[in-house]
Structure formats: C-alpha cells, structure tokens
Amino acid sequence: MASVDANASSSSSLALATTYEGDDIALLESVVQLIDVIEISPDAIAQSDGKRASLRPEILDEYAAVASSVDFIAHGVGLSIGSFDRWEESYLRMLDELFERVELQWHSEHLASTVVAGENVGTMFPLPRTEQALDVVCERVRLLQERYRVPFLLEHVIQLLPDAPAEFSPAGFLNAITSRTGCSLILDAYNLECDVFNQGLDAMAFLDELDLRPVRELHLAGGVEHNGFYLDIHSGRTRSDTLALGLEIIRRAPDLRVVTFEFLKEAVKVLGHDNICAELKDVRRAIQ
C-alpha cells in the first residue's frame, strides 16, 4: 500500500484514505485492510465536561491499535479560521492533544467561518474574497505553521448564499493564500459539484485558473439534494459525475498525494459496512 509522503515525486502512487470517527471496531477492521490513511476529525472524537473539550481516549486507543498499518492525517471543522474577531482556541487545544497522541502526516481545516460575532452558526460560511480577509487568513495560517511543524492544508467550502462583492475570483483567492503562505490545498470534487449546481460555477474554468501545484489531497463523497440545493452532507457513495471530476483533478494536480472518501459517522447505518468497503475498492481501482 502507498503511504503519505509530502515530498514524494509526482510519479508515486496515490494513497487512499477514509474517515473513521470511532465506536465501530468492525468497520475499522474492515476498512484498514483497504486503505493507507485514516482521516481524523478532532471535533468528531471530542467530549466535553462543560468547561473544556478533550479527545475521547478510547477512540485514540482505537487509532493506536492500527497505527502499524496506516498513516494518519487530521481534518478539522471547528477552527473557524476566517472569523473576523477570533478563531476557536478550544479547537487548537484538541489539536495539541491529537499531535501528542498520534503521529500526523499533515493537518487541514476548512477555509470558512463557523463562529460569527462569538456565536456558533452551526455551518461553514465561505469567506468574503477580499484583501482584508486574505490578511486575516494568511496570518492565522502562519501561526499554525509555526505551532505544528507538519504541512497545513486548507479546503474550500460550498457557497450557498449569493456571492458578495469580491476582489478575487474563487480560484484567485486560493492562489493568493497559497502563494503568500506556502500552505497546501484540499480540493473536494463534491464541493465543486455543489457550487456548479447551486451557483453555476464553471468547474473547468476554476481548475484552469487554480494553481494546482499546492493540491495535496482530493476529497470524494456523496451528498444530498434538499429544496433545490446540493448540500455538503457526506452521506452517500460517490456519484459517477463526482468521480469523473475527481479523476480530472488527479490528471491535473502534479503533487497530489492522497484521495479521501469521506462520510459522516451518522451515515454509517445508511451506507452499511459493505457499501463503504465496496466504495473504497471502487475508488482504489479508479485512481490506479
């Protein structure tokens, strides 16, 4: 099986990753035979005593039990890296704890705000594509790069609301961040499809404009349509159109290292273990 190597040559085989959020040993034992990397979301394996959040030790033990077979990467939701007033220090404390317990090849976060004026909004809002927002994000990326001496990646999120006045195009904003900070990117093929369906994004024009050299990871997933919108709810197998877009990204991105099939823990009962394993086998065949 392939392993994650941020400095590997472009001819290296792609590693296959998937989500695992604990409490399902049978699933873990099944998928670990099919993948190279487990994606850990600190937010999803946390518990709170009412004062502070910490990582559930029993799930960290599950990761430790398979550490000889797979690599690990972290993918956060709750940092709120783009909030104008502050980001979430509680998330950083959880990430500190994860780095102490697990050897991570890299960590990543969504390019979004989940907290607005101190209130958690329960979703991820994309940032205004302005010089001011760029300054905020780049400074926070710098702080993360100094705090954790492994590569840091950012993932674009879907746009549900009408676009605000912007100083950058969607791809141009990502280019500005990566050129200023040296951070890497995750491209999510399903997120791009959501923006194509919801906002009329020209996916090929987006890829033409985007500097794809910083792209290290590709996400694949299946979602839902609700009230005329595609939603970023990873609850199904990858559609053929999503996979085709993912394969186009693979063709274009020279330094891509990992392809990750994502699903929510709540979707496991809907998908079933057999469907998850079948999806991983299909993705492996497709990316090879």
Protein backbone atom coordinates (compact mmCIF):
# COMPACT_ATOMS: atom_id res chain seq x y z
CA MET A 1 0.00 0.00 0.00
CA ALA A 2 1.05 3.56 -0.61
CA SER A 3 1.97 5.86 2.25
CA VAL A 4 1.78 9.60 2.64
CA ASP A 5 4.97 11.43 1.71
CA ALA A 6 4.67 15.18 1.31
CA ASN A 7 8.00 15.25 -0.54
CA ALA A 8 7.46 12.26 -2.79
CA SER A 9 7.89 12.54 -6.55
CA SER A 10 4.83 13.06 -8.75
CA SER A 11 5.24 9.53 -10.11
CA SER A 12 4.44 8.00 -6.70
CA SER A 13 1.18 6.06 -6.39
CA LEU A 14 -1.70 7.79 -4.69
CA ALA A 15 -2.60 6.83 -1.14
CA LEU A 16 -6.23 6.04 -0.34
CA ALA A 17 -7.78 7.44 2.83
CA THR A 18 -11.15 7.42 4.53
CA THR A 19 -12.91 8.89 7.51
CA TYR A 20 -13.09 7.00 10.78
CA GLU A 21 -14.62 8.63 13.86
CA GLY A 22 -14.58 5.71 16.29
CA ASP A 23 -17.00 3.42 18.12
CA ASP A 24 -17.20 0.83 15.33
CA ILE A 25 -14.38 -1.68 15.63
CA ALA A 26 -15.89 -3.94 12.97
CA LEU A 27 -15.83 -1.09 10.46
CA LEU A 28 -12.29 -0.15 11.43
CA GLU A 29 -11.09 -3.73 10.98
CA SER A 30 -12.73 -3.87 7.55
CA VAL A 31 -11.53 -0.57 6.12
CA VAL A 32 -7.97 -0.74 7.45
CA GLN A 33 -7.37 -3.63 5.03
CA LEU A 34 -8.37 -1.41 2.09
CA ILE A 35 -6.76 1.96 2.83
CA ASP A 36 -3.42 3.59 3.51
CA VAL A 37 -4.51 6.57 5.62
CA ILE A 38 -7.17 7.38 8.22
CA GLU A 39 -8.55 10.90 8.35
CA ILE A 40 -9.22 12.05 11.93
CA SER A 41 -11.57 14.92 12.74
CA PRO A 42 -10.69 16.19 16.23
CA ASP A 43 -14.13 17.80 16.54
CA ALA A 44 -15.87 14.47 15.92
CA ILE A 45 -13.96 12.50 18.56
CA ALA A 46 -14.22 15.11 21.32
CA GLN A 47 -16.09 15.10 24.61
CA SER A 48 -16.82 18.00 26.95
CA ASP A 49 -17.07 18.19 30.71
CA GLY A 50 -18.92 21.50 30.44
CA LYS A 51 -15.73 23.51 30.84
CA ARG A 52 -13.45 22.28 28.08
CA ALA A 53 -13.39 19.77 25.26
CA SER A 54 -10.91 16.91 25.10
CA LEU A 55 -10.40 13.91 22.85
CA ARG A 56 -12.05 10.64 23.84
CA PRO A 57 -9.23 8.33 25.00
CA GLU A 58 -10.99 5.15 23.90
CA ILE A 59 -11.05 6.36 20.29
CA LEU A 60 -7.39 7.38 20.44
CA ASP A 61 -6.73 3.82 21.60
CA GLU A 62 -8.56 2.52 18.52
CA TYR A 63 -6.25 4.56 16.30
CA ALA A 64 -3.21 3.29 18.22
CA ALA A 65 -4.30 -0.29 17.59
CA VAL A 66 -3.97 0.14 13.80
CA ALA A 67 -1.05 2.58 13.75
CA SER A 68 1.30 -0.04 12.32
CA SER A 69 -0.97 -0.47 9.28
CA VAL A 70 -1.95 3.07 8.29
CA ASP A 71 -0.82 6.68 8.38
CA PHE A 72 -2.95 9.45 9.91
CA ILE A 73 -3.99 12.93 8.83
CA ALA A 74 -6.20 15.41 10.69
CA HIS A 75 -9.08 17.35 9.17
CA GLY A 76 -10.84 19.93 11.33
CA VAL A 77 -14.20 21.63 11.16
CA GLY A 78 -14.38 23.98 14.11
CA LEU A 79 -11.30 26.22 14.00
CA SER A 80 -13.23 28.99 12.23
CA ILE A 81 -10.05 30.26 10.64
CA GLY A 82 -11.84 33.11 8.87
CA SER A 83 -13.86 34.63 11.73
CA PHE A 84 -13.24 38.38 11.85
CA ASP A 85 -12.97 38.59 15.64
CA ARG A 86 -11.27 35.36 16.76
CA TRP A 87 -10.75 31.75 15.97
CA GLU A 88 -11.61 28.86 18.29
CA GLU A 89 -8.80 28.29 20.79
CA SER A 90 -10.64 25.23 22.11
CA TYR A 91 -10.06 23.52 18.77
CA LEU A 92 -6.34 24.24 18.97
CA ARG A 93 -6.19 22.61 22.41
CA MET A 94 -7.77 19.47 20.95
CA LEU A 95 -5.31 19.55 18.07
CA ASP A 96 -2.42 19.88 20.55
CA GLU A 97 -3.71 16.76 22.28
CA LEU A 98 -4.04 14.87 18.99
CA PHE A 99 -0.47 15.71 17.99
CA GLU A 100 0.72 14.43 21.36
CA ARG A 101 -1.02 11.07 20.87
CA VAL A 102 -0.90 10.44 17.11
CA GLU A 103 1.81 10.91 14.51
CA LEU A 104 0.12 13.09 11.88
CA GLN A 105 1.46 13.44 8.36
CA TRP A 106 -0.38 16.75 7.95
CA HIS A 107 -3.42 18.60 9.24
CA SER A 108 -6.07 20.63 7.48
CA GLU A 109 -9.02 22.93 8.07
CA HIS A 110 -11.93 24.37 6.13
CA LEU A 111 -11.48 27.84 4.69
CA ALA A 112 -14.56 29.12 6.48
CA SER A 113 -16.17 30.79 9.46
CA THR A 114 -18.22 28.67 11.84
CA VAL A 115 -18.40 31.40 14.50
CA VAL A 116 -19.76 34.87 13.78
CA ALA A 117 -19.57 37.58 16.46
CA GLY A 118 -18.99 34.90 19.09
CA GLU A 119 -21.97 32.75 18.09
CA ASN A 120 -21.59 29.29 16.56
CA VAL A 121 -23.76 29.33 13.43
CA GLY A 122 -23.89 25.55 13.01
CA THR A 123 -22.50 25.55 9.48
CA MET A 124 -19.50 26.72 7.49
CA PHE A 125 -19.70 30.07 5.75
CA PRO A 126 -17.18 30.80 2.99
CA LEU A 127 -15.11 33.93 3.48
CA PRO A 128 -15.50 37.23 1.67
CA ARG A 129 -12.83 37.19 -1.02
CA THR A 130 -11.22 40.49 -0.05
CA GLU A 131 -7.74 41.73 0.80
CA GLN A 132 -8.82 42.18 4.42
CA ALA A 133 -9.98 38.56 4.72
CA LEU A 134 -6.82 37.44 2.95
CA ASP A 135 -4.69 39.22 5.55
CA VAL A 136 -6.60 37.56 8.42
CA VAL A 137 -6.35 34.06 6.98
CA CYS A 138 -2.69 34.31 5.98
CA GLU A 139 -1.65 35.49 9.45
CA ARG A 140 -3.53 32.60 11.04
CA VAL A 141 -2.00 30.12 8.62
CA ARG A 142 1.42 31.43 9.62
CA LEU A 143 0.63 30.86 13.30
CA LEU A 144 -0.48 27.29 12.58
CA GLN A 145 2.64 26.58 10.56
CA GLU A 146 4.79 27.78 13.45
CA ARG A 147 2.81 25.83 16.07
CA TYR A 148 2.71 22.48 14.23
CA ARG A 149 5.75 21.58 12.19
CA VAL A 150 3.93 19.48 9.60
CA PRO A 151 2.24 20.64 6.38
CA PHE A 152 -1.03 22.55 6.72
CA LEU A 153 -3.80 22.34 4.12
CA LEU A 154 -6.95 24.38 3.50
CA GLU A 155 -10.17 23.12 1.90
CA HIS A 156 -12.66 25.29 0.03
CA VAL A 157 -16.29 25.07 1.19
CA ILE A 158 -19.53 25.30 -0.75
CA GLN A 159 -21.28 28.58 -1.44
CA LEU A 160 -24.97 28.53 -0.52
CA LEU A 161 -25.70 32.25 -0.20
CA PRO A 162 -25.49 34.72 -3.11
CA ASP A 163 -21.91 35.81 -3.72
CA ALA A 164 -20.82 39.01 -2.00
CA PRO A 165 -18.78 41.67 -3.83
CA ALA A 166 -15.28 40.24 -4.19
CA GLU A 167 -11.78 41.36 -5.04
CA PHE A 168 -10.73 37.85 -6.08
CA SER A 169 -12.29 35.03 -8.06
CA PRO A 170 -12.77 31.74 -6.13
CA ALA A 171 -9.61 30.25 -7.64
CA GLY A 172 -7.72 33.53 -7.40
CA PHE A 173 -8.39 33.76 -3.66
CA LEU A 174 -6.93 30.28 -3.12
CA ASN A 175 -3.96 31.18 -5.31
CA ALA A 176 -3.31 34.30 -3.21
CA ILE A 177 -3.36 32.28 0.02
CA THR A 178 -1.03 29.55 -1.20
CA SER A 179 1.43 31.94 -2.83
CA ARG A 180 1.63 34.12 0.29
CA THR A 181 1.83 31.34 2.90
CA GLY A 182 3.16 28.26 1.14
CA CYS A 183 0.30 26.19 2.59
CA SER A 184 -1.23 23.37 0.58
CA LEU A 185 -4.79 22.68 -0.57
CA ILE A 186 -7.50 20.05 -0.45
CA LEU A 187 -9.85 20.00 -3.42
CA ASP A 188 -13.24 18.43 -2.77
CA ALA A 189 -14.80 17.20 -6.01
CA TYR A 190 -18.28 17.02 -4.46
CA ASN A 191 -18.00 20.57 -3.07
CA LEU A 192 -17.14 21.78 -6.57
CA GLU A 193 -20.16 19.93 -7.93
CA CYS A 194 -22.34 21.63 -5.31
CA ASP A 195 -21.11 25.03 -6.50
CA VAL A 196 -21.70 24.04 -10.12
CA PHE A 197 -25.28 23.05 -9.32
CA ASN A 198 -26.09 25.77 -6.79
CA GLN A 199 -24.16 28.75 -8.15
CA GLY A 200 -23.38 27.95 -11.78
CA LEU A 201 -19.63 27.64 -11.18
CA ASP A 202 -17.67 26.65 -14.29
CA ALA A 203 -15.60 23.83 -12.78
CA MET A 204 -13.20 23.55 -15.71
CA ALA A 205 -12.56 27.30 -15.74
CA PHE A 206 -11.96 27.12 -11.98
CA LEU A 207 -9.38 24.37 -12.45
CA ASP A 208 -7.79 26.23 -15.37
CA GLU A 209 -7.26 29.31 -13.16
CA LEU A 210 -6.23 27.49 -9.98
CA ASP A 211 -2.55 26.83 -9.32
CA LEU A 212 -2.82 23.08 -8.80
CA ARG A 213 0.76 22.57 -7.61
CA PRO A 214 -0.20 23.06 -3.92
CA VAL A 215 -3.01 20.48 -4.10
CA ARG A 216 -2.01 17.53 -1.87
CA GLU A 217 -5.36 15.89 -1.15
CA LEU A 218 -8.58 15.15 -3.03
CA HIS A 219 -11.90 14.51 -1.30
CA LEU A 220 -14.63 12.34 -2.78
CA ALA A 221 -18.09 11.96 -1.26
CA GLY A 222 -21.77 11.66 -1.98
CA GLY A 223 -24.34 14.11 -0.62
CA VAL A 224 -27.98 15.07 -0.72
CA GLU A 225 -30.25 17.46 -2.59
CA HIS A 226 -32.65 19.47 -0.42
CA ASN A 227 -35.07 22.18 -1.53
CA GLY A 228 -33.26 22.57 -4.82
CA PHE A 229 -29.74 22.74 -3.37
CA TYR A 230 -26.90 20.26 -3.23
CA LEU A 231 -25.70 20.17 0.38
CA ASP A 232 -22.27 19.31 1.71
CA ILE A 233 -23.55 16.38 3.76
CA HIS A 234 -21.32 13.37 3.17
CA SER A 235 -23.84 10.59 3.43
CA GLY A 236 -23.62 8.55 0.23
CA ARG A 237 -21.38 6.85 -2.27
CA THR A 238 -19.57 8.92 -4.86
CA ARG A 239 -21.66 9.70 -7.95
CA SER A 240 -20.13 8.97 -11.35
CA ASP A 241 -20.02 12.70 -12.21
CA THR A 242 -18.18 13.45 -8.97
CA LEU A 243 -15.69 10.69 -9.62
CA ALA A 244 -15.12 11.95 -13.17
CA LEU A 245 -14.35 15.43 -11.83
CA GLY A 246 -12.05 13.88 -9.23
CA LEU A 247 -10.16 11.98 -11.92
CA GLU A 248 -9.76 15.23 -13.87
CA ILE A 249 -8.23 16.82 -10.75
CA ILE A 250 -5.90 13.83 -10.39
CA ARG A 251 -4.83 14.26 -14.01
CA ARG A 252 -4.07 17.95 -13.49
CA ALA A 253 -2.58 18.08 -9.97
CA PRO A 254 1.11 17.11 -10.18
CA ASP A 255 1.79 16.77 -6.44
CA LEU A 256 -1.42 15.13 -5.26
CA ARG A 257 -0.69 12.56 -2.54
CA VAL A 258 -3.97 11.32 -1.02
CA VAL A 259 -7.52 10.62 -2.21
CA THR A 260 -10.01 10.52 0.67
CA PHE A 261 -13.52 9.07 0.61
CA GLU A 262 -15.44 10.94 3.29
CA PHE A 263 -18.63 10.01 5.10
CA LEU A 264 -20.29 11.17 8.29
CA LYS A 265 -20.42 8.85 11.26
CA GLU A 266 -24.20 9.28 11.24
CA ALA A 267 -24.29 7.91 7.67
CA VAL A 268 -22.70 4.56 8.52
CA LYS A 269 -26.07 2.96 9.30
CA VAL A 270 -27.45 4.21 5.98
CA LEU A 271 -24.44 3.21 3.91
CA GLY A 272 -23.59 0.00 5.72
CA HIS A 273 -20.16 -1.54 6.13
CA ASP A 274 -20.37 -3.48 2.87
CA ASN A 275 -21.18 -0.37 0.83
CA ILE A 276 -18.34 1.59 2.43
CA CYS A 277 -15.87 -1.19 1.65
CA ALA A 278 -17.20 -1.52 -1.89
CA GLU A 279 -16.78 2.22 -2.39
CA LEU A 280 -13.18 2.10 -1.19
CA LYS A 281 -12.43 -0.75 -3.58
CA ASP A 282 -14.05 1.14 -6.47
CA VAL A 283 -12.12 4.33 -5.69
CA ARG A 284 -8.87 2.39 -5.44
CA ARG A 285 -9.45 0.87 -8.88
CA ALA A 286 -10.38 4.24 -10.37
CA ILE A 287 -7.36 6.15 -9.07
CA GLN A 288 -4.95 3.42 -10.13
